[in-house]
Amino acid sequence: MSYTIEYLEKDGIILITNIGEFTHKDFMKQASEALEVSHRKNCKKLLVDCTSMILSSNLMNIYNTSDYYEEINAPRENKIALVVTPGSAIEKDMRFYETVCINTGWQAKMFGDEESAMQWLQD
């Protein structure tokens, strides 16, 4: 598995940690699992740690992200904070993901550190 999902009870946040190679198939599985946890815990805040992720997807798959969110009935109220190492190989692709989400009505924002991401989720 290229990711873990856990619920941080103290913070009321779902933490997703991506590890190693991450494919579009992984994304679809992860999004469905995270949505199930979101429903079960009544949680709309997701922190996605991409600092150890090696993205293995193409721009068209990233572009189609919002279609998949629609397909699985993900609530637009969910806030998705992405932590990406500045200057990393995946930074441009994750910025594209952020832009696609924002342009299609999803709340996603990229951060260079976990502290800033947590602050945005708590606002």
PDB file of N, CA and C in Angstrom:
ATOM      1  N   MET A   1       0.849  -1.175   0.000  1.00  0.00           N
ATOM      2  CA  MET A   1       0.000   0.000   0.000  1.00  0.00           C
ATOM      3  C   MET A   1       0.895   1.238   0.000  1.00  0.00           C
ATOM      4  N   SER A   2       0.506   2.233  -0.749  1.00  0.00           N
ATOM      5  CA  SER A   2       1.330   3.429  -0.869  1.00  0.00           C
ATOM      6  C   SER A   2       0.805   4.587  -0.017  1.00  0.00           C
ATOM      7  N   TYR A   3      -0.091   4.283   0.940  1.00  0.00           N
ATOM      8  CA  TYR A   3      -0.613   5.338   1.803  1.00  0.00           C
ATOM      9  C   TYR A   3      -1.218   4.733   3.064  1.00  0.00           C
ATOM     10  N   THR A   4      -1.390   5.602   4.060  1.00  0.00           N
ATOM     11  CA  THR A   4      -2.116   5.227   5.267  1.00  0.00           C
ATOM     12  C   THR A   4      -3.171   6.304   5.524  1.00  0.00           C
ATOM     13  N   ILE A   5      -4.262   5.909   6.170  1.00  0.00           N
ATOM     14  CA  ILE A   5      -5.319   6.844   6.545  1.00  0.00           C
ATOM     15  C   ILE A   5      -5.612   6.619   8.015  1.00  0.00           C
ATOM     16  N   GLU A   6      -5.576   7.702   8.789  1.00  0.00           N
ATOM     17  CA  GLU A   6      -5.917   7.597  10.202  1.00  0.00           C
ATOM     18  C   GLU A   6      -6.695   8.837  10.634  1.00  0.00           C
ATOM     19  N   TYR A   7      -7.519   8.661  11.643  1.00  0.00           N
ATOM     20  CA  TYR A   7      -8.303   9.774  12.166  1.00  0.00           C
ATOM     21  C   TYR A   7      -7.625  10.282  13.428  1.00  0.00           C
ATOM     22  N   LEU A   8      -7.280  11.569  13.442  1.00  0.00           N
ATOM     23  CA  LEU A   8      -6.653  12.189  14.608  1.00  0.00           C
ATOM     24  C   LEU A   8      -7.759  12.769  15.482  1.00  0.00           C
ATOM     25  N   GLU A   9      -8.183  11.993  16.432  1.00  0.00           N
ATOM     26  CA  GLU A   9      -9.321  12.341  17.295  1.00  0.00           C
ATOM     27  C   GLU A   9      -9.126  13.705  17.956  1.00  0.00           C
ATOM     28  N   LYS A  10      -7.950  13.946  18.498  1.00  0.00           N
ATOM     29  CA  LYS A  10      -7.657  15.183  19.222  1.00  0.00           C
ATOM     30  C   LYS A  10      -7.864  16.416  18.342  1.00  0.00           C
ATOM     31  N   ASP A  11      -7.489  16.313  17.063  1.00  0.00           N
ATOM     32  CA  ASP A  11      -7.576  17.448  16.149  1.00  0.00           C
ATOM     33  C   ASP A  11      -8.844  17.437  15.301  1.00  0.00           C
ATOM     34  N   GLY A  12      -9.531  16.306  15.262  1.00  0.00           N
ATOM     35  CA  GLY A  12     -10.706  16.190  14.411  1.00  0.00           C
ATOM     36  C   GLY A  12     -10.346  16.269  12.936  1.00  0.00           C
ATOM     37  N   ILE A  13      -9.235  15.620  12.595  1.00  0.00           N
ATOM     38  CA  ILE A  13      -8.694  15.673  11.228  1.00  0.00           C
ATOM     39  C   ILE A  13      -8.364  14.259  10.759  1.00  0.00           C
ATOM     40  N   ILE A  14      -8.609  14.012   9.477  1.00  0.00           N
ATOM     41  CA  ILE A  14      -8.190  12.757   8.856  1.00  0.00           C
ATOM     42  C   ILE A  14      -6.800  12.996   8.277  1.00  0.00           C
ATOM     43  N   LEU A  15      -5.843  12.183   8.688  1.00  0.00           N
ATOM     44  CA  LEU A  15      -4.471  12.284   8.191  1.00  0.00           C
ATOM     45  C   LEU A  15      -4.229  11.183   7.172  1.00  0.00           C
ATOM     46  N   ILE A  16      -3.844  11.609   5.982  1.00  0.00           N
ATOM     47  CA  ILE A  16      -3.486  10.674   4.918  1.00  0.00           C
ATOM     48  C   ILE A  16      -2.006  10.865   4.648  1.00  0.00           C
ATOM     49  N   THR A  17      -1.236   9.790   4.725  1.00  0.00           N
ATOM     50  CA  THR A  17       0.200   9.862   4.473  1.00  0.00           C
ATOM     51  C   THR A  17       0.515   9.034   3.243  1.00  0.00           C
ATOM     52  N   ASN A  18       1.016   9.707   2.220  1.00  0.00           N
ATOM     53  CA  ASN A  18       1.404   9.025   0.981  1.00  0.00           C
ATOM     54  C   ASN A  18       2.878   8.667   1.049  1.00  0.00           C
ATOM     55  N   ILE A  19       3.172   7.414   0.723  1.00  0.00           N
ATOM     56  CA  ILE A  19       4.523   6.886   0.859  1.00  0.00           C
ATOM     57  C   ILE A  19       4.934   6.219  -0.442  1.00  0.00           C
ATOM     58  N   GLY A  20       6.057   6.655  -1.017  1.00  0.00           N
ATOM     59  CA  GLY A  20       6.563   6.021  -2.226  1.00  0.00           C
ATOM     60  C   GLY A  20       5.716   6.300  -3.448  1.00  0.00           C
ATOM     61  N   GLU A  21       5.746   5.366  -4.396  1.00  0.00           N
ATOM     62  CA  GLU A  21       5.040   5.543  -5.668  1.00  0.00           C
ATOM     63  C   GLU A  21       3.530   5.612  -5.449  1.00  0.00           C
ATOM     64  N   PHE A  22       2.919   6.607  -6.079  1.00  0.00           N
ATOM     65  CA  PHE A  22       1.484   6.845  -5.935  1.00  0.00           C
ATOM     66  C   PHE A  22       0.889   6.967  -7.324  1.00  0.00           C
ATOM     67  N   THR A  23      -0.013   6.036  -7.663  1.00  0.00           N
ATOM     68  CA  THR A  23      -0.607   5.980  -9.000  1.00  0.00           C
ATOM     69  C   THR A  23      -2.028   6.548  -8.980  1.00  0.00           C
ATOM     70  N   HIS A  24      -2.602   6.689 -10.148  1.00  0.00           N
ATOM     71  CA  HIS A  24      -3.992   7.137 -10.242  1.00  0.00           C
ATOM     72  C   HIS A  24      -4.929   6.117  -9.600  1.00  0.00           C
ATOM     73  N   LYS A  25      -4.635   4.859  -9.749  1.00  0.00           N
ATOM     74  CA  LYS A  25      -5.425   3.800  -9.112  1.00  0.00           C
ATOM     75  C   LYS A  25      -5.378   3.952  -7.584  1.00  0.00           C
ATOM     76  N   ASP A  26      -4.177   4.271  -7.059  1.00  0.00           N
ATOM     77  CA  ASP A  26      -4.038   4.518  -5.623  1.00  0.00           C
ATOM     78  C   ASP A  26      -4.910   5.701  -5.205  1.00  0.00           C
ATOM     79  N   PHE A  27      -4.885   6.763  -6.013  1.00  0.00           N
ATOM     80  CA  PHE A  27      -5.682   7.957  -5.713  1.00  0.00           C
ATOM     81  C   PHE A  27      -7.162   7.603  -5.594  1.00  0.00           C
ATOM     82  N   MET A  28      -7.684   6.862  -6.558  1.00  0.00           N
ATOM     83  CA  MET A  28      -9.108   6.524  -6.550  1.00  0.00           C
ATOM     84  C   MET A  28      -9.459   5.690  -5.317  1.00  0.00           C
ATOM     85  N   LYS A  29      -8.627   4.736  -4.988  1.00  0.00           N
ATOM     86  CA  LYS A  29      -8.871   3.897  -3.810  1.00  0.00           C
ATOM     87  C   LYS A  29      -8.781   4.743  -2.538  1.00  0.00           C
ATOM     88  N   GLN A  30      -7.758   5.583  -2.469  1.00  0.00           N
ATOM     89  CA  GLN A  30      -7.565   6.432  -1.299  1.00  0.00           C
ATOM     90  C   GLN A  30      -8.733   7.396  -1.108  1.00  0.00           C
ATOM     91  N   ALA A  31      -9.185   8.032  -2.180  1.00  0.00           N
ATOM     92  CA  ALA A  31     -10.295   8.986  -2.094  1.00  0.00           C
ATOM     93  C   ALA A  31     -11.553   8.296  -1.571  1.00  0.00           C
ATOM     94  N   SER A  32     -11.850   7.112  -2.052  1.00  0.00           N
ATOM     95  CA  SER A  32     -13.022   6.362  -1.589  1.00  0.00           C
ATOM     96  C   SER A  32     -12.900   5.990  -0.112  1.00  0.00           C
ATOM     97  N   GLU A  33     -11.727   5.512   0.289  1.00  0.00           N
ATOM     98  CA  GLU A  33     -11.514   5.130   1.685  1.00  0.00           C
ATOM     99  C   GLU A  33     -11.583   6.347   2.603  1.00  0.00           C
ATOM    100  N   ALA A  34     -10.984   7.450   2.180  1.00  0.00           N
ATOM    101  CA  ALA A  34     -11.002   8.670   2.995  1.00  0.00           C
ATOM    102  C   ALA A  34     -12.424   9.199   3.137  1.00  0.00           C
ATOM    103  N   LEU A  35     -13.208   9.106   2.087  1.00  0.00           N
ATOM    104  CA  LEU A  35     -14.597   9.546   2.138  1.00  0.00           C
ATOM    105  C   LEU A  35     -15.398   8.698   3.122  1.00  0.00           C
ATOM    106  N   GLU A  36     -15.133   7.402   3.138  1.00  0.00           N
ATOM    107  CA  GLU A  36     -15.816   6.508   4.076  1.00  0.00           C
ATOM    108  C   GLU A  36     -15.467   6.886   5.514  1.00  0.00           C
ATOM    109  N   VAL A  37     -14.196   7.180   5.787  1.00  0.00           N
ATOM    110  CA  VAL A  37     -13.776   7.607   7.125  1.00  0.00           C
ATOM    111  C   VAL A  37     -14.425   8.949   7.458  1.00  0.00           C
ATOM    112  N   SER A  38     -14.464   9.837   6.486  1.00  0.00           N
ATOM    113  CA  SER A  38     -15.078  11.153   6.661  1.00  0.00           C
ATOM    114  C   SER A  38     -16.539  11.025   7.087  1.00  0.00           C
ATOM    115  N   HIS A  39     -17.269  10.151   6.431  1.00  0.00           N
ATOM    116  CA  HIS A  39     -18.673   9.920   6.789  1.00  0.00           C
ATOM    117  C   HIS A  39     -18.797   9.290   8.179  1.00  0.00           C
ATOM    118  N   ARG A  40     -17.978   8.303   8.432  1.00  0.00           N
ATOM    119  CA  ARG A  40     -18.054   7.561   9.695  1.00  0.00           C
ATOM    120  C   ARG A  40     -17.726   8.454  10.904  1.00  0.00           C
ATOM    121  N   LYS A  41     -16.741   9.340  10.725  1.00  0.00           N
ATOM    122  CA  LYS A  41     -16.286  10.209  11.818  1.00  0.00           C
ATOM    123  C   LYS A  41     -16.922  11.597  11.767  1.00  0.00           C
ATOM    124  N   ASN A  42     -17.769  11.843  10.755  1.00  0.00           N
ATOM    125  CA  ASN A  42     -18.365  13.167  10.557  1.00  0.00           C
ATOM    126  C   ASN A  42     -17.271  14.239  10.538  1.00  0.00           C
ATOM    127  N   CYS A  43     -16.287  14.031   9.706  1.00  0.00           N
ATOM    128  CA  CYS A  43     -15.109  14.894   9.629  1.00  0.00           C
ATOM    129  C   CYS A  43     -14.956  15.424   8.212  1.00  0.00           C
ATOM    130  N   LYS A  44     -14.753  16.727   8.094  1.00  0.00           N
ATOM    131  CA  LYS A  44     -14.626  17.349   6.782  1.00  0.00           C
ATOM    132  C   LYS A  44     -13.246  17.962   6.563  1.00  0.00           C
ATOM    133  N   LYS A  45     -12.281  17.603   7.410  1.00  0.00           N
ATOM    134  CA  LYS A  45     -10.933  18.151   7.327  1.00  0.00           C
ATOM    135  C   LYS A  45      -9.942  17.028   7.047  1.00  0.00           C
ATOM    136  N   LEU A  46      -9.208  17.177   5.938  1.00  0.00           N
ATOM    137  CA  LEU A  46      -8.252  16.150   5.542  1.00  0.00           C
ATOM    138  C   LEU A  46      -6.871  16.768   5.362  1.00  0.00           C
ATOM    139  N   LEU A  47      -5.896  16.197   6.017  1.00  0.00           N
ATOM    140  CA  LEU A  47      -4.507  16.610   5.888  1.00  0.00           C
ATOM    141  C   LEU A  47      -3.787  15.513   5.110  1.00  0.00           C
ATOM    142  N   VAL A  48      -3.231  15.872   3.951  1.00  0.00           N
ATOM    143  CA  VAL A  48      -2.592  14.883   3.088  1.00  0.00           C
ATOM    144  C   VAL A  48      -1.094  15.173   3.038  1.00  0.00           C
ATOM    145  N   ASP A  49      -0.308  14.284   3.623  1.00  0.00           N
ATOM    146  CA  ASP A  49       1.145  14.427   3.651  1.00  0.00           C
ATOM    147  C   ASP A  49       1.726  13.791   2.390  1.00  0.00           C
ATOM    148  N   CYS A  50       2.228  14.642   1.508  1.00  0.00           N
ATOM    149  CA  CYS A  50       2.798  14.181   0.234  1.00  0.00           C
ATOM    150  C   CYS A  50       4.318  14.283   0.227  1.00  0.00           C
ATOM    151  N   THR A  51       4.938  14.501   1.395  1.00  0.00           N
ATOM    152  CA  THR A  51       6.379  14.742   1.451  1.00  0.00           C
ATOM    153  C   THR A  51       7.217  13.518   1.090  1.00  0.00           C
ATOM    154  N   SER A  52       6.652  12.323   1.192  1.00  0.00           N
ATOM    155  CA  SER A  52       7.382  11.093   0.839  1.00  0.00           C
ATOM    156  C   SER A  52       6.777  10.407  -0.380  1.00  0.00           C
ATOM    157  N   MET A  53       5.982  11.144  -1.127  1.00  0.00           N
ATOM    158  CA  MET A  53       5.261  10.574  -2.267  1.00  0.00           C
ATOM    159  C   MET A  53       6.054  10.747  -3.554  1.00  0.00           C
ATOM    160  N   ILE A  54       6.014   9.716  -4.376  1.00  0.00           N
ATOM    161  CA  ILE A  54       6.565   9.767  -5.741  1.00  0.00           C
ATOM    162  C   ILE A  54       5.358   9.607  -6.654  1.00  0.00           C
ATOM    163  N   LEU A  55       4.973  10.699  -7.302  1.00  0.00           N
ATOM    164  CA  LEU A  55       3.765  10.690  -8.117  1.00  0.00           C
ATOM    165  C   LEU A  55       4.000   9.970  -9.433  1.00  0.00           C
ATOM    166  N   SER A  56       3.136   9.020  -9.708  1.00  0.00           N
ATOM    167  CA  SER A  56       3.217   8.242 -10.945  1.00  0.00           C
ATOM    168  C   SER A  56       1.855   8.330 -11.634  1.00  0.00           C
ATOM    169  N   SER A  57       1.539   9.535 -12.111  1.00  0.00           N
ATOM    170  CA  SER A  57       0.264   9.796 -12.752  1.00  0.00           C
ATOM    171  C   SER A  57       0.499  10.844 -13.832  1.00  0.00           C
ATOM    172  N   ASN A  58      -0.497  11.061 -14.686  1.00  0.00           N
ATOM    173  CA  ASN A  58      -0.308  12.071 -15.725  1.00  0.00           C
ATOM    174  C   ASN A  58      -1.270  13.230 -15.496  1.00  0.00           C
ATOM    175  N   LEU A  59      -1.054  14.319 -16.214  1.00  0.00           N
ATOM    176  CA  LEU A  59      -1.852  15.521 -16.022  1.00  0.00           C
ATOM    177  C   LEU A  59      -3.335  15.302 -16.312  1.00  0.00           C
ATOM    178  N   MET A  60      -3.660  14.460 -17.262  1.00  0.00           N
ATOM    179  CA  MET A  60      -5.065  14.206 -17.572  1.00  0.00           C
ATOM    180  C   MET A  60      -5.763  13.528 -16.397  1.00  0.00           C
ATOM    181  N   ASN A  61      -5.091  12.590 -15.746  1.00  0.00           N
ATOM    182  CA  ASN A  61      -5.664  11.960 -14.556  1.00  0.00           C
ATOM    183  C   ASN A  61      -5.886  12.990 -13.453  1.00  0.00           C
ATOM    184  N   ILE A  62      -4.910  13.872 -13.266  1.00  0.00           N
ATOM    185  CA  ILE A  62      -5.053  14.921 -12.250  1.00  0.00           C
ATOM    186  C   ILE A  62      -6.212  15.839 -12.625  1.00  0.00           C
ATOM    187  N   TYR A  63      -6.304  16.187 -13.887  1.00  0.00           N
ATOM    188  CA  TYR A  63      -7.378  17.058 -14.363  1.00  0.00           C
ATOM    189  C   TYR A  63      -8.757  16.445 -14.101  1.00  0.00           C
ATOM    190  N   ASN A  64      -8.859  15.136 -14.199  1.00  0.00           N
ATOM    191  CA  ASN A  64     -10.138  14.445 -14.012  1.00  0.00           C
ATOM    192  C   ASN A  64     -10.493  14.185 -12.546  1.00  0.00           C
ATOM    193  N   THR A  65      -9.669  14.674 -11.628  1.00  0.00           N
ATOM    194  CA  THR A  65      -9.903  14.488 -10.202  1.00  0.00           C
ATOM    195  C   THR A  65     -11.299  14.917  -9.790  1.00  0.00           C
ATOM    196  N   SER A  66     -11.714  16.099 -10.232  1.00  0.00           N
ATOM    197  CA  SER A  66     -13.021  16.610  -9.793  1.00  0.00           C
ATOM    198  C   SER A  66     -14.163  15.723 -10.286  1.00  0.00           C
ATOM    199  N   ASP A  67     -14.016  15.145 -11.463  1.00  0.00           N
ATOM    200  CA  ASP A  67     -15.043  14.216 -11.956  1.00  0.00           C
ATOM    201  C   ASP A  67     -15.171  13.016 -11.024  1.00  0.00           C
ATOM    202  N   TYR A  68     -14.038  12.518 -10.554  1.00  0.00           N
ATOM    203  CA  TYR A  68     -14.075  11.368  -9.652  1.00  0.00           C
ATOM    204  C   TYR A  68     -14.697  11.756  -8.311  1.00  0.00           C
ATOM    205  N   TYR A  69     -14.351  12.943  -7.800  1.00  0.00           N
ATOM    206  CA  TYR A  69     -14.969  13.407  -6.556  1.00  0.00           C
ATOM    207  C   TYR A  69     -16.489  13.482  -6.700  1.00  0.00           C
ATOM    208  N   GLU A  70     -16.949  13.952  -7.858  1.00  0.00           N
ATOM    209  CA  GLU A  70     -18.394  14.005  -8.120  1.00  0.00           C
ATOM    210  C   GLU A  70     -18.987  12.592  -8.125  1.00  0.00           C
ATOM    211  N   GLU A  71     -18.287  11.690  -8.785  1.00  0.00           N
ATOM    212  CA  GLU A  71     -18.761  10.310  -8.921  1.00  0.00           C
ATOM    213  C   GLU A  71     -18.950   9.626  -7.571  1.00  0.00           C
ATOM    214  N   ILE A  72     -18.066   9.894  -6.620  1.00  0.00           N
ATOM    215  CA  ILE A  72     -18.158   9.247  -5.312  1.00  0.00           C
ATOM    216  C   ILE A  72     -18.920  10.110  -4.300  1.00  0.00           C
ATOM    217  N   ASN A  73     -19.512  11.196  -4.794  1.00  0.00           N
ATOM    218  CA  ASN A  73     -20.319  12.089  -3.947  1.00  0.00           C
ATOM    219  C   ASN A  73     -19.548  12.675  -2.767  1.00  0.00           C
ATOM    220  N   ALA A  74     -18.335  13.124  -3.031  1.00  0.00           N
ATOM    221  CA  ALA A  74     -17.551  13.788  -1.989  1.00  0.00           C
ATOM    222  C   ALA A  74     -18.148  15.171  -1.728  1.00  0.00           C
ATOM    223  N   PRO A  75     -18.348  15.531  -0.465  1.00  0.00           N
ATOM    224  CA  PRO A  75     -18.917  16.838  -0.163  1.00  0.00           C
ATOM    225  C   PRO A  75     -17.938  17.969  -0.488  1.00  0.00           C
ATOM    226  N   ARG A  76     -18.432  19.012  -1.098  1.00  0.00           N
ATOM    227  CA  ARG A  76     -17.589  20.167  -1.429  1.00  0.00           C
ATOM    228  C   ARG A  76     -17.158  20.925  -0.171  1.00  0.00           C
ATOM    229  N   GLU A  77     -17.801  20.652   0.957  1.00  0.00           N
ATOM    230  CA  GLU A  77     -17.410  21.301   2.215  1.00  0.00           C
ATOM    231  C   GLU A  77     -16.098  20.752   2.764  1.00  0.00           C
ATOM    232  N   ASN A  78     -15.693  19.578   2.295  1.00  0.00           N
ATOM    233  CA  ASN A  78     -14.432  19.012   2.767  1.00  0.00           C
ATOM    234  C   ASN A  78     -13.282  19.945   2.442  1.00  0.00           C
ATOM    235  N   LYS A  79     -12.386  20.108   3.413  1.00  0.00           N
ATOM    236  CA  LYS A  79     -11.175  20.908   3.208  1.00  0.00           C
ATOM    237  C   LYS A  79     -10.003  19.936   3.093  1.00  0.00           C
ATOM    238  N   ILE A  80      -9.232  20.079   2.031  1.00  0.00           N
ATOM    239  CA  ILE A  80      -8.092  19.198   1.774  1.00  0.00           C
ATOM    240  C   ILE A  80      -6.821  20.030   1.813  1.00  0.00           C
ATOM    241  N   ALA A  81      -5.994  19.809   2.827  1.00  0.00           N
ATOM    242  CA  ALA A  81      -4.712  20.501   2.960  1.00  0.00           C
ATOM    243  C   ALA A  81      -3.610  19.535   2.531  1.00  0.00           C
ATOM    244  N   LEU A  82      -2.815  19.951   1.549  1.00  0.00           N
ATOM    245  CA  LEU A  82      -1.739  19.121   1.023  1.00  0.00           C
ATOM    246  C   LEU A  82      -0.399  19.642   1.526  1.00  0.00           C
ATOM    247  N   VAL A  83       0.412  18.769   2.081  1.00  0.00           N
ATOM    248  CA  VAL A  83       1.753  19.169   2.506  1.00  0.00           C
ATOM    249  C   VAL A  83       2.740  18.597   1.494  1.00  0.00           C
ATOM    250  N   VAL A  84       3.430  19.517   0.809  1.00  0.00           N
ATOM    251  CA  VAL A  84       4.358  19.147  -0.260  1.00  0.00           C
ATOM    252  C   VAL A  84       5.687  19.856   0.000  1.00  0.00           C
ATOM    253  N   THR A  85       6.773  19.135  -0.095  1.00  0.00           N
ATOM    254  CA  THR A  85       8.085  19.734   0.098  1.00  0.00           C
ATOM    255  C   THR A  85       8.358  20.745  -1.011  1.00  0.00           C
ATOM    256  N   PRO A  86       8.635  22.016  -0.646  1.00  0.00           N
ATOM    257  CA  PRO A  86       8.932  23.025  -1.669  1.00  0.00           C
ATOM    258  C   PRO A  86      10.137  22.620  -2.521  1.00  0.00           C
ATOM    259  N   GLY A  87       9.998  22.779  -3.819  1.00  0.00           N
ATOM    260  CA  GLY A  87      11.077  22.437  -4.749  1.00  0.00           C
ATOM    261  C   GLY A  87      11.152  20.960  -5.096  1.00  0.00           C
ATOM    262  N   SER A  88      10.221  20.152  -4.583  1.00  0.00           N
ATOM    263  CA  SER A  88      10.259  18.713  -4.850  1.00  0.00           C
ATOM    264  C   SER A  88       9.799  18.416  -6.275  1.00  0.00           C
ATOM    265  N   ALA A  89      10.042  17.196  -6.708  1.00  0.00           N
ATOM    266  CA  ALA A  89       9.675  16.766  -8.064  1.00  0.00           C
ATOM    267  C   ALA A  89       8.170  16.795  -8.291  1.00  0.00           C
ATOM    268  N   ILE A  90       7.387  16.667  -7.235  1.00  0.00           N
ATOM    269  CA  ILE A  90       5.927  16.617  -7.393  1.00  0.00           C
ATOM    270  C   ILE A  90       5.252  17.970  -7.203  1.00  0.00           C
ATOM    271  N   GLU A  91       6.003  18.981  -6.843  1.00  0.00           N
ATOM    272  CA  GLU A  91       5.395  20.270  -6.495  1.00  0.00           C
ATOM    273  C   GLU A  91       4.521  20.835  -7.616  1.00  0.00           C
ATOM    274  N   LYS A  92       4.988  20.834  -8.840  1.00  0.00           N
ATOM    275  CA  LYS A  92       4.207  21.394  -9.954  1.00  0.00           C
ATOM    276  C   LYS A  92       2.919  20.602 -10.188  1.00  0.00           C
ATOM    277  N   ASP A  93       3.002  19.278 -10.133  1.00  0.00           N
ATOM    278  CA  ASP A  93       1.814  18.453 -10.335  1.00  0.00           C
ATOM    279  C   ASP A  93       0.799  18.664  -9.212  1.00  0.00           C
ATOM    280  N   MET A  94       1.272  18.818  -7.992  1.00  0.00           N
ATOM    281  CA  MET A  94       0.361  19.037  -6.870  1.00  0.00           C
ATOM    282  C   MET A  94      -0.245  20.436  -6.933  1.00  0.00           C
ATOM    283  N   ARG A  95       0.503  21.407  -7.434  1.00  0.00           N
ATOM    284  CA  ARG A  95      -0.047  22.754  -7.630  1.00  0.00           C
ATOM    285  C   ARG A  95      -1.146  22.696  -8.695  1.00  0.00           C
ATOM    286  N   PHE A  96      -0.938  21.881  -9.732  1.00  0.00           N
ATOM    287  CA  PHE A  96      -1.963  21.702 -10.759  1.00  0.00           C
ATOM    288  C   PHE A  96      -3.217  21.071 -10.148  1.00  0.00           C
ATOM    289  N   TYR A  97      -3.039  20.055  -9.303  1.00  0.00           N
ATOM    290  CA  TYR A  97      -4.158  19.420  -8.595  1.00  0.00           C
ATOM    291  C   TYR A  97      -4.926  20.462  -7.782  1.00  0.00           C
ATOM    292  N   GLU A  98      -4.195  21.284  -7.044  1.00  0.00           N
ATOM    293  CA  GLU A  98      -4.823  22.336  -6.236  1.00  0.00           C
ATOM    294  C   GLU A  98      -5.653  23.266  -7.123  1.00  0.00           C
ATOM    295  N   THR A  99      -5.095  23.693  -8.241  1.00  0.00           N
ATOM    296  CA  THR A  99      -5.784  24.600  -9.162  1.00  0.00           C
ATOM    297  C   THR A  99      -7.040  23.956  -9.746  1.00  0.00           C
ATOM    298  N   VAL A 100      -6.929  22.702 -10.157  1.00  0.00           N
ATOM    299  CA  VAL A 100      -8.093  21.984 -10.697  1.00  0.00           C
ATOM    300  C   VAL A 100      -9.198  21.925  -9.643  1.00  0.00           C
ATOM    301  N   CYS A 101      -8.828  21.585  -8.427  1.00  0.00           N
ATOM    302  CA  CYS A 101      -9.830  21.499  -7.354  1.00  0.00           C
ATOM    303  C   CYS A 101     -10.507  22.850  -7.131  1.00  0.00           C
ATOM    304  N   ILE A 102      -9.737  23.891  -7.002  1.00  0.00           N
ATOM    305  CA  ILE A 102     -10.290  25.219  -6.751  1.00  0.00           C
ATOM    306  C   ILE A 102     -11.199  25.648  -7.903  1.00  0.00           C
ATOM    307  N   ASN A 103     -10.748  25.422  -9.131  1.00  0.00           N
ATOM    308  CA  ASN A 103     -11.529  25.837 -10.301  1.00  0.00           C
ATOM    309  C   ASN A 103     -12.840  25.076 -10.456  1.00  0.00           C
ATOM    310  N   THR A 104     -12.946  23.927  -9.809  1.00  0.00           N
ATOM    311  CA  THR A 104     -14.172  23.129  -9.917  1.00  0.00           C
ATOM    312  C   THR A 104     -14.964  23.093  -8.603  1.00  0.00           C
ATOM    313  N   GLY A 105     -14.626  23.995  -7.686  1.00  0.00           N
ATOM    314  CA  GLY A 105     -15.418  24.166  -6.480  1.00  0.00           C
ATOM    315  C   GLY A 105     -15.030  23.345  -5.269  1.00  0.00           C
ATOM    316  N   TRP A 106     -13.876  22.680  -5.306  1.00  0.00           N
ATOM    317  CA  TRP A 106     -13.414  21.900  -4.153  1.00  0.00           C
ATOM    318  C   TRP A 106     -12.433  22.755  -3.355  1.00  0.00           C
ATOM    319  N   GLN A 107     -12.392  22.553  -2.049  1.00  0.00           N
ATOM    320  CA  GLN A 107     -11.511  23.312  -1.174  1.00  0.00           C
ATOM    321  C   GLN A 107     -10.203  22.546  -0.967  1.00  0.00           C
ATOM    322  N   ALA A 108      -9.196  22.926  -1.713  1.00  0.00           N
ATOM    323  CA  ALA A 108      -7.885  22.300  -1.574  1.00  0.00           C
ATOM    324  C   ALA A 108      -6.832  23.401  -1.537  1.00  0.00           C
ATOM    325  N   LYS A 109      -5.811  23.201  -0.727  1.00  0.00           N
ATOM    326  CA  LYS A 109      -4.739  24.180  -0.634  1.00  0.00           C
ATOM    327  C   LYS A 109      -3.443  23.455  -0.317  1.00  0.00           C
ATOM    328  N   MET A 110      -2.373  23.902  -0.968  1.00  0.00           N
ATOM    329  CA  MET A 110      -1.059  23.278  -0.801  1.00  0.00           C
ATOM    330  C   MET A 110      -0.211  24.111   0.159  1.00  0.00           C
ATOM    331  N   PHE A 111       0.547  23.413   1.007  1.00  0.00           N
ATOM    332  CA  PHE A 111       1.404  24.054   1.993  1.00  0.00           C
ATOM    333  C   PHE A 111       2.787  23.408   1.971  1.00  0.00           C
ATOM    334  N   GLY A 112       3.780  24.162   2.398  1.00  0.00           N
ATOM    335  CA  GLY A 112       5.143  23.651   2.467  1.00  0.00           C
ATOM    336  C   GLY A 112       5.475  23.017   3.796  1.00  0.00           C
ATOM    337  N   ASP A 113       4.564  23.154   4.784  1.00  0.00           N
ATOM    338  CA  ASP A 113       4.809  22.558   6.095  1.00  0.00           C
ATOM    339  C   ASP A 113       3.475  22.177   6.752  1.00  0.00           C
ATOM    340  N   GLU A 114       3.548  21.227   7.658  1.00  0.00           N
ATOM    341  CA  GLU A 114       2.348  20.698   8.301  1.00  0.00           C
ATOM    342  C   GLU A 114       1.678  21.716   9.217  1.00  0.00           C
ATOM    343  N   GLU A 115       2.475  22.549   9.882  1.00  0.00           N
ATOM    344  CA  GLU A 115       1.917  23.547  10.792  1.00  0.00           C
ATOM    345  C   GLU A 115       0.949  24.493  10.086  1.00  0.00           C
ATOM    346  N   SER A 116       1.369  25.024   8.942  1.00  0.00           N
ATOM    347  CA  SER A 116       0.520  25.938   8.168  1.00  0.00           C
ATOM    348  C   SER A 116      -0.741  25.227   7.678  1.00  0.00           C
ATOM    349  N   ALA A 117      -0.588  23.981   7.256  1.00  0.00           N
ATOM    350  CA  ALA A 117      -1.732  23.198   6.784  1.00  0.00           C
ATOM    351  C   ALA A 117      -2.731  22.981   7.913  1.00  0.00           C
ATOM    352  N   MET A 118      -2.255  22.642   9.094  1.00  0.00           N
ATOM    353  CA  MET A 118      -3.133  22.419  10.248  1.00  0.00           C
ATOM    354  C   MET A 118      -3.862  23.712  10.617  1.00  0.00           C
ATOM    355  N   GLN A 119      -3.154  24.833  10.573  1.00  0.00           N
ATOM    356  CA  GLN A 119      -3.772  26.122  10.895  1.00  0.00           C
ATOM    357  C   GLN A 119      -4.913  26.429   9.936  1.00  0.00           C
ATOM    358  N   TRP A 120      -4.697  26.198   8.638  1.00  0.00           N
ATOM    359  CA  TRP A 120      -5.734  26.453   7.633  1.00  0.00           C
ATOM    360  C   TRP A 120      -6.946  25.550   7.866  1.00  0.00           C
ATOM    361  N   LEU A 121      -6.701  24.306   8.215  1.00  0.00           N
ATOM    362  CA  LEU A 121      -7.814  23.389   8.473  1.00  0.00           C
ATOM    363  C   LEU A 121      -8.624  23.826   9.692  1.00  0.00           C
ATOM    364  N   GLN A 122      -7.965  24.409  10.686  1.00  0.00           N
ATOM    365  CA  GLN A 122      -8.656  24.804  11.918  1.00  0.00           C
ATOM    366  C   GLN A 122      -9.387  26.130  11.778  1.00  0.00           C
ATOM    367  N   ASP A 123      -9.048  26.924  10.755  1.00  0.00           N
ATOM    368  CA  ASP A 123      -9.722  28.227  10.542  1.00  0.00           C
ATOM    369  C   ASP A 123     -11.144  28.047  10.099  1.00  0.00           C
TER     370      ASP A 123
END
